[in-house]
Amino acid sequence: MSQPEDNNSGQQPHSDLGSELRELGQQIEQAVRNAMESDRARQLQQDIASGMQEIGTQMQSALKAIQEDERLRKLAERGQQAINQAQESQAAKDFQEALTRGIAQLNDQMAAFVSRLQQSAGGDSAATGETTRLDDDK
């Protein structure tokens, strides 16, 4: 009869373990809730929000200052003039023409390649030669 007592005593620590784990879970849950609801957490959230607003305000001020700065406006105008002059130069025109010719040649070669692919897919054996079966069983 001592064996059933051993079984009961063996189950008692198990049920204690389960209840202790449940209690630990509840304690952790409560601690997290308290931390989330604490004044420190709220203050941290407010600090982060106000910091982000301040960054946004500073960015807007900086962009406005850049837009209103006469030196930067003149620099942008000179840059645009340089781009326009480069586009109008003979070297730029020559480059564009050479690029156009190269792309046209590439297009012609791709069209010929696609045509050959379509012919071989259409059953034209003259384009690829005679097919030799490697498997003698079939």
C-alpha atoms as a PDB file:
ATOM      1  CA  MET A   1       0.000   0.000   0.000  1.00  0.00           C
ATOM      2  CA  SER A   2       2.968   2.227   0.220  1.00  0.00           C
ATOM      3  CA  GLN A   3       3.042   2.478  -3.577  1.00  0.00           C
ATOM      4  CA  PRO A   4      -0.217   4.459  -3.899  1.00  0.00           C
ATOM      5  CA  GLU A   5       1.101   6.889  -1.317  1.00  0.00           C
ATOM      6  CA  ASP A   6       4.241   7.284  -3.435  1.00  0.00           C
ATOM      7  CA  ASN A   7       2.066   7.977  -6.491  1.00  0.00           C
ATOM      8  CA  ASN A   8       0.104  10.623  -4.619  1.00  0.00           C
ATOM      9  CA  SER A   9       3.243  12.206  -3.296  1.00  0.00           C
ATOM     10  CA  GLY A  10       4.661  12.079  -6.870  1.00  0.00           C
ATOM     11  CA  GLN A  11       1.623  13.914  -8.201  1.00  0.00           C
ATOM     12  CA  GLN A  12       1.627  16.552  -5.482  1.00  0.00           C
ATOM     13  CA  PRO A  13       4.869  18.199  -6.674  1.00  0.00           C
ATOM     14  CA  HIS A  14       3.523  18.077 -10.250  1.00  0.00           C
ATOM     15  CA  SER A  15       0.362  19.942  -9.313  1.00  0.00           C
ATOM     16  CA  ASP A  16       2.464  22.355  -7.257  1.00  0.00           C
ATOM     17  CA  LEU A  17       4.692  22.910 -10.291  1.00  0.00           C
ATOM     18  CA  GLY A  18       1.678  23.660 -12.465  1.00  0.00           C
ATOM     19  CA  SER A  19       0.217  26.099  -9.969  1.00  0.00           C
ATOM     20  CA  GLU A  20       3.598  27.737  -9.458  1.00  0.00           C
ATOM     21  CA  LEU A  21       4.016  28.160 -13.239  1.00  0.00           C
ATOM     22  CA  ARG A  22       0.526  29.668 -13.506  1.00  0.00           C
ATOM     23  CA  GLU A  23       1.309  32.056 -10.672  1.00  0.00           C
ATOM     24  CA  LEU A  24       4.623  32.983 -12.305  1.00  0.00           C
ATOM     25  CA  GLY A  25       2.804  33.711 -15.553  1.00  0.00           C
ATOM     26  CA  GLN A  26       0.317  35.913 -13.750  1.00  0.00           C
ATOM     27  CA  GLN A  27       3.132  37.746 -11.978  1.00  0.00           C
ATOM     28  CA  ILE A  28       4.952  38.364 -15.263  1.00  0.00           C
ATOM     29  CA  GLU A  29       1.736  39.570 -16.885  1.00  0.00           C
ATOM     30  CA  GLN A  30       1.099  41.972 -14.010  1.00  0.00           C
ATOM     31  CA  ALA A  31       4.674  43.247 -14.086  1.00  0.00           C
ATOM     32  CA  VAL A  32       4.459  43.945 -17.829  1.00  0.00           C
ATOM     33  CA  ARG A  33       1.121  45.715 -17.423  1.00  0.00           C
ATOM     34  CA  ASN A  34       2.483  47.835 -14.588  1.00  0.00           C
ATOM     35  CA  ALA A  35       5.565  48.712 -16.630  1.00  0.00           C
ATOM     36  CA  MET A  36       3.455  49.664 -19.659  1.00  0.00           C
ATOM     37  CA  GLU A  37       1.122  51.773 -17.557  1.00  0.00           C
ATOM     38  CA  SER A  38       3.823  53.373 -15.446  1.00  0.00           C
ATOM     39  CA  ASP A  39       4.468  57.091 -15.469  1.00  0.00           C
ATOM     40  CA  ARG A  40       7.981  56.450 -16.721  1.00  0.00           C
ATOM     41  CA  ALA A  41       6.692  54.546 -19.791  1.00  0.00           C
ATOM     42  CA  ARG A  42       4.154  57.291 -20.522  1.00  0.00           C
ATOM     43  CA  GLN A  43       6.835  59.936 -20.170  1.00  0.00           C
ATOM     44  CA  LEU A  44       9.119  58.010 -22.509  1.00  0.00           C
ATOM     45  CA  GLN A  45       6.337  57.767 -25.106  1.00  0.00           C
ATOM     46  CA  GLN A  46       5.684  61.505 -24.812  1.00  0.00           C
ATOM     47  CA  ASP A  47       9.391  62.276 -25.107  1.00  0.00           C
ATOM     48  CA  ILE A  48       9.674  60.181 -28.258  1.00  0.00           C
ATOM     49  CA  ALA A  49       6.585  61.796 -29.801  1.00  0.00           C
ATOM     50  CA  SER A  50       7.762  65.319 -29.032  1.00  0.00           C
ATOM     51  CA  GLY A  51      11.249  64.489 -30.326  1.00  0.00           C
ATOM     52  CA  MET A  52       9.800  63.267 -33.608  1.00  0.00           C
ATOM     53  CA  GLN A  53       7.700  66.423 -33.923  1.00  0.00           C
ATOM     54  CA  GLU A  54      10.781  68.552 -33.282  1.00  0.00           C
ATOM     55  CA  ILE A  55      12.727  66.690 -35.963  1.00  0.00           C
ATOM     56  CA  GLY A  56       9.871  67.256 -38.419  1.00  0.00           C
ATOM     57  CA  THR A  57       9.753  70.956 -37.601  1.00  0.00           C
ATOM     58  CA  GLN A  58      13.512  71.316 -38.034  1.00  0.00           C
ATOM     59  CA  MET A  59      13.404  69.473 -41.367  1.00  0.00           C
ATOM     60  CA  GLN A  60      10.673  71.780 -42.645  1.00  0.00           C
ATOM     61  CA  SER A  61      12.633  74.837 -41.516  1.00  0.00           C
ATOM     62  CA  ALA A  62      15.777  73.576 -43.208  1.00  0.00           C
ATOM     63  CA  LEU A  63      13.959  72.882 -46.468  1.00  0.00           C
ATOM     64  CA  LYS A  64      12.342  76.306 -46.398  1.00  0.00           C
ATOM     65  CA  ALA A  65      15.728  77.938 -45.764  1.00  0.00           C
ATOM     66  CA  ILE A  66      17.243  76.044 -48.672  1.00  0.00           C
ATOM     67  CA  GLN A  67      14.429  77.085 -50.987  1.00  0.00           C
ATOM     68  CA  GLU A  68      14.758  80.718 -49.967  1.00  0.00           C
ATOM     69  CA  ASP A  69      18.564  80.883 -50.084  1.00  0.00           C
ATOM     70  CA  GLU A  70      19.515  83.029 -53.077  1.00  0.00           C
ATOM     71  CA  ARG A  71      22.954  81.391 -53.405  1.00  0.00           C
ATOM     72  CA  LEU A  72      21.421  77.938 -53.691  1.00  0.00           C
ATOM     73  CA  ARG A  73      18.838  79.194 -56.170  1.00  0.00           C
ATOM     74  CA  LYS A  74      21.605  80.665 -58.353  1.00  0.00           C
ATOM     75  CA  LEU A  75      23.596  77.440 -58.057  1.00  0.00           C
ATOM     76  CA  ALA A  76      20.567  75.429 -59.190  1.00  0.00           C
ATOM     77  CA  GLU A  77      20.066  77.792 -62.146  1.00  0.00           C
ATOM     78  CA  ARG A  78      23.714  77.448 -63.190  1.00  0.00           C
ATOM     79  CA  GLY A  79      23.426  73.677 -62.916  1.00  0.00           C
ATOM     80  CA  GLN A  80      20.346  73.685 -65.129  1.00  0.00           C
ATOM     81  CA  GLN A  81      22.129  75.917 -67.665  1.00  0.00           C
ATOM     82  CA  ALA A  82      25.102  73.543 -67.721  1.00  0.00           C
ATOM     83  CA  ILE A  83      22.765  70.596 -68.337  1.00  0.00           C
ATOM     84  CA  ASN A  84      21.024  72.473 -71.165  1.00  0.00           C
ATOM     85  CA  GLN A  85      24.349  73.400 -72.744  1.00  0.00           C
ATOM     86  CA  ALA A  86      25.592  69.834 -72.509  1.00  0.00           C
ATOM     87  CA  GLN A  87      22.412  68.570 -74.150  1.00  0.00           C
ATOM     88  CA  GLU A  88      22.823  71.070 -76.978  1.00  0.00           C
ATOM     89  CA  SER A  89      26.518  70.349 -77.549  1.00  0.00           C
ATOM     90  CA  GLN A  90      27.726  68.464 -80.598  1.00  0.00           C
ATOM     91  CA  ALA A  91      29.347  65.782 -78.432  1.00  0.00           C
ATOM     92  CA  ALA A  92      26.014  65.037 -76.750  1.00  0.00           C
ATOM     93  CA  LYS A  93      24.277  64.889 -80.120  1.00  0.00           C
ATOM     94  CA  ASP A  94      26.967  62.550 -81.499  1.00  0.00           C
ATOM     95  CA  PHE A  95      26.674  60.311 -78.459  1.00  0.00           C
ATOM     96  CA  GLN A  96      22.902  60.171 -78.809  1.00  0.00           C
ATOM     97  CA  GLU A  97      23.166  59.268 -82.499  1.00  0.00           C
ATOM     98  CA  ALA A  98      25.747  56.538 -81.823  1.00  0.00           C
ATOM     99  CA  LEU A  99      23.609  55.149 -79.030  1.00  0.00           C
ATOM    100  CA  THR A 100      20.557  55.157 -81.298  1.00  0.00           C
ATOM    101  CA  ARG A 101      22.445  53.288 -84.043  1.00  0.00           C
ATOM    102  CA  GLY A 102      23.730  50.723 -81.543  1.00  0.00           C
ATOM    103  CA  ILE A 103      20.266  50.077 -80.145  1.00  0.00           C
ATOM    104  CA  ALA A 104      18.850  49.800 -83.678  1.00  0.00           C
ATOM    105  CA  GLN A 105      21.460  47.142 -84.505  1.00  0.00           C
ATOM    106  CA  LEU A 106      20.666  45.308 -81.299  1.00  0.00           C
ATOM    107  CA  ASN A 107      16.962  45.404 -82.181  1.00  0.00           C
ATOM    108  CA  ASP A 108      17.699  43.962 -85.630  1.00  0.00           C
ATOM    109  CA  GLN A 109      19.771  41.142 -84.144  1.00  0.00           C
ATOM    110  CA  MET A 110      17.098  40.350 -81.553  1.00  0.00           C
ATOM    111  CA  ALA A 111      14.420  40.274 -84.262  1.00  0.00           C
ATOM    112  CA  ALA A 112      16.520  37.826 -86.311  1.00  0.00           C
ATOM    113  CA  PHE A 113      17.102  35.653 -83.244  1.00  0.00           C
ATOM    114  CA  VAL A 114      13.390  35.591 -82.396  1.00  0.00           C
ATOM    115  CA  SER A 115      12.614  34.696 -86.005  1.00  0.00           C
ATOM    116  CA  ARG A 116      15.039  31.753 -85.873  1.00  0.00           C
ATOM    117  CA  LEU A 117      13.493  30.586 -82.584  1.00  0.00           C
ATOM    118  CA  GLN A 118      10.008  30.738 -84.055  1.00  0.00           C
ATOM    119  CA  GLN A 119      11.099  28.791 -87.119  1.00  0.00           C
ATOM    120  CA  SER A 120      12.701  26.046 -85.053  1.00  0.00           C
ATOM    121  CA  ALA A 121       9.649  25.832 -82.811  1.00  0.00           C
ATOM    122  CA  GLY A 122       7.402  25.600 -85.850  1.00  0.00           C
ATOM    123  CA  GLY A 123       8.993  22.316 -86.908  1.00  0.00           C
ATOM    124  CA  ASP A 124      11.382  23.606 -89.527  1.00  0.00           C
ATOM    125  CA  SER A 125      14.058  20.897 -89.270  1.00  0.00           C
ATOM    126  CA  ALA A 126      16.175  22.528 -91.973  1.00  0.00           C
ATOM    127  CA  ALA A 127      17.051  25.349 -89.583  1.00  0.00           C
ATOM    128  CA  THR A 128      18.364  23.010 -86.883  1.00  0.00           C
ATOM    129  CA  GLY A 129      19.313  19.903 -88.819  1.00  0.00           C
ATOM    130  CA  GLU A 130      18.097  16.343 -88.503  1.00  0.00           C
ATOM    131  CA  THR A 131      17.133  15.038 -85.075  1.00  0.00           C
ATOM    132  CA  THR A 132      18.983  11.926 -83.909  1.00  0.00           C
ATOM    133  CA  ARG A 133      17.265   9.740 -81.287  1.00  0.00           C
ATOM    134  CA  LEU A 134      19.609   8.776 -78.464  1.00  0.00           C
ATOM    135  CA  ASP A 135      17.330   6.189 -76.796  1.00  0.00           C
ATOM    136  CA  ASP A 136      17.144   3.041 -78.996  1.00  0.00           C
ATOM    137  CA  ASP A 137      14.309   1.481 -76.917  1.00  0.00           C
ATOM    138  CA  LYS A 138      11.681   3.944 -78.119  1.00  0.00           C
END
